[in-house]
Amino acid sequence: MLNSETDMMDRCSKNTAEKRKKVGIMGGTFDPIHNAHLALGRCAYDELRLDEVWFMPAKDPYFKKKKNVTPAKIRSDMTNLAMQGEEGFVMSAFELEREGETYTAETLEKLHEIYPDIHFYFIIGSDSMYQIDTWYRPDAVMQLATLVVAEREYPDRQRSFREQIQYLKDRFGADIRVLTFDSMDISSTMIRNMVKNGDDIHGLVPAVVERYIFENKLYKQSTVCGAEKAEA
C-alpha cells in the first residue's frame, strides 16, 4: 500500500510539474540584439516546447562597468522591435526596472517569488556555460532554472563540452538541456564595429532594428564598445 501511495504521489508531482508554464529567459546586454539571439531563442522555444521566451535586456551589467554600453532605453527599444512578428517572444523589462546592479541569481530569485507557477529555462551561449561557475552565486542560478545551451566544442578548453556539462551536474546538481543548434558567427561587438566602419549589416539584425540603428545614428562613435563574452 505504501509503495502504491508513493507512486501516486510521484505521478501527481510529475503531472503538476508538466502543467507549469514553461518560460525561457534570454538575458544579455543586447547592444544590439541580433539574428543569432533570435535564432537561439527560437530553437529553445521549438525544441523544448516553451510557452514563451522572455528577452531580458540588462540595465547595469556589472561585468561591463568599465565599458561604454548604449543606454538601456535604446537597447530596450531595439529588443522590443525585434519581437515584432515573433510568436512566443516577449520583451521583458524586469531587469531594467530593478535598482542597482543586476545579477542573474537575484533576478531568478525575484522571478520565482513573483511567478511561483512558472518553470524557468535559462538560455545561454556555450561560452557562458564554461564561465557560469565564476558568476555571482552560480549554485542559485542552477537551482532556480534549467540551463539551456547549444552544443559547441572549444579545442582550447580544459574540458570538452560534454565534460563541462557533467562537471556542472556533479558540482551544482544542474539540470542542463542541449539544443540542436547551428551556431551563427554573429556578435554585437562585430555589428557595432561594422556600423562604425560603414559596412552593411543587412541580414545580421532584424530589418526594423537595422533601420532603428541608422535612423538614430548609433555606434558611429568609438566610445560604444565592449567585450561580448560575459555573463548574460
C-alpha atoms as a PDB file:
ATOM      1  CA  MET A   1       0.000   0.000   0.000  1.00  0.00           C
ATOM      2  CA  LEU A   2       2.800   2.351   0.896  1.00  0.00           C
ATOM      3  CA  ASN A   3       4.505   1.809  -2.458  1.00  0.00           C
ATOM      4  CA  SER A   4       1.228   2.477  -4.280  1.00  0.00           C
ATOM      5  CA  GLU A   5       0.688   5.729  -2.384  1.00  0.00           C
ATOM      6  CA  THR A   6       4.281   6.787  -3.036  1.00  0.00           C
ATOM      7  CA  ASP A   7       3.977   6.016  -6.736  1.00  0.00           C
ATOM      8  CA  MET A   8       0.731   8.000  -6.912  1.00  0.00           C
ATOM      9  CA  MET A   9       2.344  10.990  -5.190  1.00  0.00           C
ATOM     10  CA  ASP A  10       5.294  10.834  -7.600  1.00  0.00           C
ATOM     11  CA  ARG A  11       2.927  10.746 -10.579  1.00  0.00           C
ATOM     12  CA  CYS A  12       0.912  13.664  -9.217  1.00  0.00           C
ATOM     13  CA  SER A  13       4.093  15.656  -8.624  1.00  0.00           C
ATOM     14  CA  LYS A  14       5.294  14.906 -12.161  1.00  0.00           C
ATOM     15  CA  ASN A  15       1.927  15.869 -13.679  1.00  0.00           C
ATOM     16  CA  THR A  16       1.920  19.137 -11.717  1.00  0.00           C
ATOM     17  CA  ALA A  17       5.437  19.971 -12.931  1.00  0.00           C
ATOM     18  CA  GLU A  18       4.440  19.207 -16.521  1.00  0.00           C
ATOM     19  CA  LYS A  19       1.448  21.572 -16.261  1.00  0.00           C
ATOM     20  CA  ARG A  20       3.560  24.503 -15.076  1.00  0.00           C
ATOM     21  CA  LYS A  21       4.094  27.255 -17.611  1.00  0.00           C
ATOM     22  CA  LYS A  22       7.485  26.904 -19.294  1.00  0.00           C
ATOM     23  CA  VAL A  23       9.329  30.153 -19.912  1.00  0.00           C
ATOM     24  CA  GLY A  24      12.758  30.602 -21.410  1.00  0.00           C
ATOM     25  CA  ILE A  25      14.886  33.587 -20.417  1.00  0.00           C
ATOM     26  CA  MET A  26      17.360  35.154 -22.821  1.00  0.00           C
ATOM     27  CA  GLY A  27      19.372  37.707 -20.887  1.00  0.00           C
ATOM     28  CA  GLY A  28      22.070  39.987 -22.176  1.00  0.00           C
ATOM     29  CA  THR A  29      23.139  43.490 -22.988  1.00  0.00           C
ATOM     30  CA  PHE A  30      21.586  43.270 -26.476  1.00  0.00           C
ATOM     31  CA  ASP A  31      23.771  46.073 -27.775  1.00  0.00           C
ATOM     32  CA  PRO A  32      22.292  45.465 -30.318  1.00  0.00           C
ATOM     33  CA  ILE A  33      20.077  42.382 -30.353  1.00  0.00           C
ATOM     34  CA  HIS A  34      20.821  40.371 -33.496  1.00  0.00           C
ATOM     35  CA  ASN A  35      19.636  37.398 -35.512  1.00  0.00           C
ATOM     36  CA  ALA A  36      21.742  34.847 -33.644  1.00  0.00           C
ATOM     37  CA  HIS A  37      19.989  35.839 -30.398  1.00  0.00           C
ATOM     38  CA  LEU A  38      16.624  35.325 -32.067  1.00  0.00           C
ATOM     39  CA  ALA A  39      17.643  32.039 -33.693  1.00  0.00           C
ATOM     40  CA  LEU A  40      18.849  30.604 -30.372  1.00  0.00           C
ATOM     41  CA  GLY A  41      15.640  31.698 -28.676  1.00  0.00           C
ATOM     42  CA  ARG A  42      13.564  30.150 -31.466  1.00  0.00           C
ATOM     43  CA  CYS A  43      15.488  26.897 -31.254  1.00  0.00           C
ATOM     44  CA  ALA A  44      14.839  26.674 -27.497  1.00  0.00           C
ATOM     45  CA  TYR A  45      11.177  27.620 -27.965  1.00  0.00           C
ATOM     46  CA  ASP A  46      10.637  24.877 -30.551  1.00  0.00           C
ATOM     47  CA  GLU A  47      12.768  22.058 -29.143  1.00  0.00           C
ATOM     48  CA  LEU A  48      11.678  22.441 -25.503  1.00  0.00           C
ATOM     49  CA  ARG A  49       8.103  23.395 -26.393  1.00  0.00           C
ATOM     50  CA  LEU A  50       8.263  26.516 -24.288  1.00  0.00           C
ATOM     51  CA  ASP A  51       5.206  28.691 -23.783  1.00  0.00           C
ATOM     52  CA  GLU A  52       7.232  31.887 -24.114  1.00  0.00           C
ATOM     53  CA  VAL A  53      10.777  33.191 -24.361  1.00  0.00           C
ATOM     54  CA  TRP A  54      11.447  36.399 -22.456  1.00  0.00           C
ATOM     55  CA  PHE A  55      14.242  38.557 -23.877  1.00  0.00           C
ATOM     56  CA  MET A  56      15.522  40.475 -20.877  1.00  0.00           C
ATOM     57  CA  PRO A  57      17.964  43.367 -21.505  1.00  0.00           C
ATOM     58  CA  ALA A  58      20.290  44.106 -18.593  1.00  0.00           C
ATOM     59  CA  LYS A  59      20.181  47.635 -17.189  1.00  0.00           C
ATOM     60  CA  ASP A  60      23.519  47.780 -15.416  1.00  0.00           C
ATOM     61  CA  PRO A  61      25.729  44.833 -16.409  1.00  0.00           C
ATOM     62  CA  TYR A  62      28.258  44.628 -13.553  1.00  0.00           C
ATOM     63  CA  PHE A  63      30.816  42.896 -15.771  1.00  0.00           C
ATOM     64  CA  LYS A  64      30.893  45.880 -18.157  1.00  0.00           C
ATOM     65  CA  LYS A  65      31.294  48.706 -15.662  1.00  0.00           C
ATOM     66  CA  LYS A  66      34.479  49.905 -17.345  1.00  0.00           C
ATOM     67  CA  LYS A  67      32.935  49.675 -20.800  1.00  0.00           C
ATOM     68  CA  ASN A  68      30.623  52.101 -22.525  1.00  0.00           C
ATOM     69  CA  VAL A  69      27.232  50.472 -23.026  1.00  0.00           C
ATOM     70  CA  THR A  70      24.400  52.036 -25.021  1.00  0.00           C
ATOM     71  CA  PRO A  71      21.671  53.483 -22.741  1.00  0.00           C
ATOM     72  CA  ALA A  72      19.124  50.943 -21.535  1.00  0.00           C
ATOM     73  CA  LYS A  73      16.184  52.728 -23.189  1.00  0.00           C
ATOM     74  CA  ILE A  74      17.780  52.359 -26.619  1.00  0.00           C
ATOM     75  CA  ARG A  75      18.685  48.697 -26.101  1.00  0.00           C
ATOM     76  CA  SER A  76      15.168  48.084 -24.806  1.00  0.00           C
ATOM     77  CA  ASP A  77      13.635  49.758 -27.860  1.00  0.00           C
ATOM     78  CA  MET A  78      15.698  47.606 -30.220  1.00  0.00           C
ATOM     79  CA  THR A  79      14.805  44.438 -28.341  1.00  0.00           C
ATOM     80  CA  ASN A  80      11.124  45.342 -28.406  1.00  0.00           C
ATOM     81  CA  LEU A  81      11.283  45.977 -32.144  1.00  0.00           C
ATOM     82  CA  ALA A  82      12.948  42.597 -32.694  1.00  0.00           C
ATOM     83  CA  MET A  83       9.984  40.846 -31.034  1.00  0.00           C
ATOM     84  CA  GLN A  84       7.596  42.011 -33.764  1.00  0.00           C
ATOM     85  CA  GLY A  85       6.065  39.055 -35.586  1.00  0.00           C
ATOM     86  CA  GLU A  86       7.925  36.513 -33.428  1.00  0.00           C
ATOM     87  CA  GLU A  87       5.420  34.079 -31.924  1.00  0.00           C
ATOM     88  CA  GLY A  88       6.047  33.410 -28.232  1.00  0.00           C
ATOM     89  CA  PHE A  89       8.756  36.072 -27.898  1.00  0.00           C
ATOM     90  CA  VAL A  90       8.325  38.762 -25.247  1.00  0.00           C
ATOM     91  CA  MET A  91      10.492  41.761 -24.359  1.00  0.00           C
ATOM     92  CA  SER A  92      10.817  41.805 -20.566  1.00  0.00           C
ATOM     93  CA  ALA A  93      11.791  44.987 -18.726  1.00  0.00           C
ATOM     94  CA  PHE A  94      12.205  43.047 -15.479  1.00  0.00           C
ATOM     95  CA  GLU A  95      15.920  43.817 -15.017  1.00  0.00           C
ATOM     96  CA  LEU A  96      15.609  47.331 -16.393  1.00  0.00           C
ATOM     97  CA  GLU A  97      13.162  48.180 -13.622  1.00  0.00           C
ATOM     98  CA  ARG A  98      15.366  46.875 -10.811  1.00  0.00           C
ATOM     99  CA  GLU A  99      17.552  49.155  -8.735  1.00  0.00           C
ATOM    100  CA  GLY A 100      21.353  48.919  -8.731  1.00  0.00           C
ATOM    101  CA  GLU A 101      23.442  46.129 -10.208  1.00  0.00           C
ATOM    102  CA  THR A 102      21.710  43.112 -11.669  1.00  0.00           C
ATOM    103  CA  TYR A 103      22.851  39.562 -11.027  1.00  0.00           C
ATOM    104  CA  THR A 104      21.284  36.510 -12.630  1.00  0.00           C
ATOM    105  CA  ALA A 105      20.910  34.694  -9.294  1.00  0.00           C
ATOM    106  CA  GLU A 106      18.963  37.570  -7.748  1.00  0.00           C
ATOM    107  CA  THR A 107      16.843  38.023 -10.870  1.00  0.00           C
ATOM    108  CA  LEU A 108      15.835  34.362 -10.788  1.00  0.00           C
ATOM    109  CA  GLU A 109      15.034  34.539  -7.084  1.00  0.00           C
ATOM    110  CA  LYS A 110      12.728  37.513  -7.628  1.00  0.00           C
ATOM    111  CA  LEU A 111      11.108  35.856 -10.635  1.00  0.00           C
ATOM    112  CA  HIS A 112      10.345  32.775  -8.535  1.00  0.00           C
ATOM    113  CA  GLU A 113       8.761  34.955  -5.856  1.00  0.00           C
ATOM    114  CA  ILE A 114       6.514  36.680  -8.390  1.00  0.00           C
ATOM    115  CA  TYR A 115       5.814  33.685 -10.647  1.00  0.00           C
ATOM    116  CA  PRO A 116       5.866  30.555  -8.435  1.00  0.00           C
ATOM    117  CA  ASP A 117       3.953  28.538 -11.049  1.00  0.00           C
ATOM    118  CA  ILE A 118       6.489  29.059 -13.843  1.00  0.00           C
ATOM    119  CA  HIS A 119       9.376  26.726 -14.628  1.00  0.00           C
ATOM    120  CA  PHE A 120      12.219  28.870 -15.933  1.00  0.00           C
ATOM    121  CA  TYR A 121      14.719  27.806 -18.582  1.00  0.00           C
ATOM    122  CA  PHE A 122      17.820  29.985 -18.679  1.00  0.00           C
ATOM    123  CA  ILE A 123      19.164  30.089 -22.244  1.00  0.00           C
ATOM    124  CA  ILE A 124      22.894  30.748 -22.532  1.00  0.00           C
ATOM    125  CA  GLY A 125      25.611  30.604 -25.148  1.00  0.00           C
ATOM    126  CA  SER A 126      28.145  27.798 -24.952  1.00  0.00           C
ATOM    127  CA  ASP A 127      30.856  30.265 -23.869  1.00  0.00           C
ATOM    128  CA  SER A 128      28.762  31.212 -20.859  1.00  0.00           C
ATOM    129  CA  MET A 129      28.464  27.560 -19.865  1.00  0.00           C
ATOM    130  CA  TYR A 130      32.232  27.494 -19.356  1.00  0.00           C
ATOM    131  CA  GLN A 131      32.126  30.718 -17.326  1.00  0.00           C
ATOM    132  CA  ILE A 132      28.998  30.189 -15.241  1.00  0.00           C
ATOM    133  CA  ASP A 133      30.791  28.737 -12.220  1.00  0.00           C
ATOM    134  CA  THR A 134      32.589  32.109 -11.852  1.00  0.00           C
ATOM    135  CA  TRP A 135      29.321  34.080 -11.762  1.00  0.00           C
ATOM    136  CA  TYR A 136      27.780  35.524  -8.615  1.00  0.00           C
ATOM    137  CA  ARG A 137      26.156  32.632  -6.683  1.00  0.00           C
ATOM    138  CA  PRO A 138      26.218  30.099  -9.543  1.00  0.00           C
ATOM    139  CA  ASP A 139      24.659  27.459  -7.284  1.00  0.00           C
ATOM    140  CA  ALA A 140      21.493  29.571  -7.016  1.00  0.00           C
ATOM    141  CA  VAL A 141      21.351  30.067 -10.787  1.00  0.00           C
ATOM    142  CA  MET A 142      21.463  26.321 -11.394  1.00  0.00           C
ATOM    143  CA  GLN A 143      18.980  25.532  -8.635  1.00  0.00           C
ATOM    144  CA  LEU A 144      16.415  28.047  -9.850  1.00  0.00           C
ATOM    145  CA  ALA A 145      16.433  27.332 -13.581  1.00  0.00           C
ATOM    146  CA  THR A 146      17.109  24.640 -16.122  1.00  0.00           C
ATOM    147  CA  LEU A 147      20.144  25.635 -18.181  1.00  0.00           C
ATOM    148  CA  VAL A 148      19.654  25.538 -21.932  1.00  0.00           C
ATOM    149  CA  VAL A 149      22.737  25.620 -24.117  1.00  0.00           C
ATOM    150  CA  ALA A 150      23.684  24.975 -27.730  1.00  0.00           C
ATOM    151  CA  GLU A 151      26.478  22.480 -28.204  1.00  0.00           C
ATOM    152  CA  ARG A 152      29.803  23.837 -29.414  1.00  0.00           C
ATOM    153  CA  GLU A 153      33.244  22.387 -28.826  1.00  0.00           C
ATOM    154  CA  TYR A 154      36.244  24.564 -27.917  1.00  0.00           C
ATOM    155  CA  PRO A 155      39.554  22.738 -28.532  1.00  0.00           C
ATOM    156  CA  ASP A 156      41.490  25.048 -26.197  1.00  0.00           C
ATOM    157  CA  ARG A 157      39.169  24.495 -23.226  1.00  0.00           C
ATOM    158  CA  GLN A 158      40.235  22.458 -20.217  1.00  0.00           C
ATOM    159  CA  ARG A 159      37.119  20.308 -20.572  1.00  0.00           C
ATOM    160  CA  SER A 160      35.137  19.176 -23.586  1.00  0.00           C
ATOM    161  CA  PHE A 161      31.553  20.375 -23.940  1.00  0.00           C
ATOM    162  CA  ARG A 162      30.161  17.137 -22.502  1.00  0.00           C
ATOM    163  CA  GLU A 163      32.742  17.103 -19.709  1.00  0.00           C
ATOM    164  CA  GLN A 164      31.746  20.647 -18.734  1.00  0.00           C
ATOM    165  CA  ILE A 165      28.096  19.611 -18.561  1.00  0.00           C
ATOM    166  CA  GLN A 166      28.966  16.690 -16.313  1.00  0.00           C
ATOM    167  CA  TYR A 167      31.139  18.949 -14.147  1.00  0.00           C
ATOM    168  CA  LEU A 168      28.220  21.359 -13.603  1.00  0.00           C
ATOM    169  CA  LYS A 169      25.850  18.491 -12.869  1.00  0.00           C
ATOM    170  CA  ASP A 170      28.249  16.956 -10.348  1.00  0.00           C
ATOM    171  CA  ARG A 171      29.190  20.216  -8.625  1.00  0.00           C
ATOM    172  CA  PHE A 172      25.875  22.079  -8.663  1.00  0.00           C
ATOM    173  CA  GLY A 173      23.246  19.456  -9.461  1.00  0.00           C
ATOM    174  CA  ALA A 174      22.473  21.402 -12.637  1.00  0.00           C
ATOM    175  CA  ASP A 175      19.648  20.397 -14.952  1.00  0.00           C
ATOM    176  CA  ILE A 176      21.011  21.063 -18.445  1.00  0.00           C
ATOM    177  CA  ARG A 177      19.311  20.700 -21.822  1.00  0.00           C
ATOM    178  CA  VAL A 178      21.378  20.712 -25.004  1.00  0.00           C
ATOM    179  CA  LEU A 179      19.910  22.216 -28.159  1.00  0.00           C
ATOM    180  CA  THR A 180      20.446  21.123 -31.723  1.00  0.00           C
ATOM    181  CA  PHE A 181      21.593  24.498 -32.987  1.00  0.00           C
ATOM    182  CA  ASP A 182      23.879  25.548 -35.816  1.00  0.00           C
ATOM    183  CA  SER A 183      25.962  28.346 -34.354  1.00  0.00           C
ATOM    184  CA  MET A 184      25.943  31.651 -36.205  1.00  0.00           C
ATOM    185  CA  ASP A 185      29.093  33.742 -36.468  1.00  0.00           C
ATOM    186  CA  ILE A 186      27.446  36.958 -35.292  1.00  0.00           C
ATOM    187  CA  SER A 187      28.181  39.087 -32.241  1.00  0.00           C
ATOM    188  CA  SER A 188      27.019  42.505 -31.086  1.00  0.00           C
ATOM    189  CA  THR A 189      30.643  43.651 -30.981  1.00  0.00           C
ATOM    190  CA  MET A 190      31.045  42.721 -34.640  1.00  0.00           C
ATOM    191  CA  ILE A 191      27.884  44.597 -35.595  1.00  0.00           C
ATOM    192  CA  ARG A 192      28.907  47.732 -33.709  1.00  0.00           C
ATOM    193  CA  ASN A 193      32.299  47.705 -35.415  1.00  0.00           C
ATOM    194  CA  MET A 194      30.709  47.166 -38.827  1.00  0.00           C
ATOM    195  CA  VAL A 195      28.383  50.135 -38.340  1.00  0.00           C
ATOM    196  CA  LYS A 196      31.283  52.270 -37.170  1.00  0.00           C
ATOM    197  CA  ASN A 197      33.224  51.324 -40.313  1.00  0.00           C
ATOM    198  CA  GLY A 198      30.272  51.935 -42.616  1.00  0.00           C
ATOM    199  CA  ASP A 199      29.789  48.254 -43.501  1.00  0.00           C
ATOM    200  CA  ASP A 200      26.463  46.675 -44.432  1.00  0.00           C
ATOM    201  CA  ILE A 201      24.756  44.817 -41.551  1.00  0.00           C
ATOM    202  CA  HIS A 202      21.736  43.703 -43.564  1.00  0.00           C
ATOM    203  CA  GLY A 203      20.752  40.175 -42.581  1.00  0.00           C
ATOM    204  CA  LEU A 204      22.625  40.298 -39.274  1.00  0.00           C
ATOM    205  CA  VAL A 205      19.864  42.059 -37.349  1.00  0.00           C
ATOM    206  CA  PRO A 206      16.104  42.277 -37.952  1.00  0.00           C
ATOM    207  CA  ALA A 207      15.242  44.882 -40.573  1.00  0.00           C
ATOM    208  CA  VAL A 208      13.408  47.053 -38.029  1.00  0.00           C
ATOM    209  CA  VAL A 209      16.481  47.036 -35.772  1.00  0.00           C
ATOM    210  CA  GLU A 210      18.756  47.906 -38.692  1.00  0.00           C
ATOM    211  CA  ARG A 211      16.529  50.861 -39.532  1.00  0.00           C
ATOM    212  CA  TYR A 212      16.473  51.993 -35.894  1.00  0.00           C
ATOM    213  CA  ILE A 213      20.281  51.866 -35.692  1.00  0.00           C
ATOM    214  CA  PHE A 214      20.758  54.046 -38.734  1.00  0.00           C
ATOM    215  CA  GLU A 215      17.891  56.453 -38.031  1.00  0.00           C
ATOM    216  CA  ASN A 216      19.327  57.091 -34.567  1.00  0.00           C
ATOM    217  CA  LYS A 217      22.946  57.134 -35.779  1.00  0.00           C
ATOM    218  CA  LEU A 218      24.019  54.500 -33.251  1.00  0.00           C
ATOM    219  CA  TYR A 219      27.526  53.060 -32.995  1.00  0.00           C
ATOM    220  CA  LYS A 220      29.101  55.777 -35.098  1.00  0.00           C
ATOM    221  CA  GLN A 221      31.392  56.801 -32.250  1.00  0.00           C
ATOM    222  CA  SER A 222      34.204  54.598 -30.992  1.00  0.00           C
ATOM    223  CA  THR A 223      33.013  55.138 -27.413  1.00  0.00           C
ATOM    224  CA  VAL A 224      30.408  52.379 -27.707  1.00  0.00           C
ATOM    225  CA  CYS A 225      32.474  49.260 -27.317  1.00  0.00           C
ATOM    226  CA  GLY A 226      32.996  46.313 -25.064  1.00  0.00           C
ATOM    227  CA  ALA A 227      33.553  42.599 -24.766  1.00  0.00           C
ATOM    228  CA  GLU A 228      30.653  40.408 -25.867  1.00  0.00           C
ATOM    229  CA  LYS A 229      31.518  37.233 -23.967  1.00  0.00           C
ATOM    230  CA  ALA A 230      30.444  37.542 -20.358  1.00  0.00           C
ATOM    231  CA  GLU A 231      27.535  36.766 -18.091  1.00  0.00           C
ATOM    232  CA  ALA A 232      24.269  37.285 -19.869  1.00  0.00           C
END
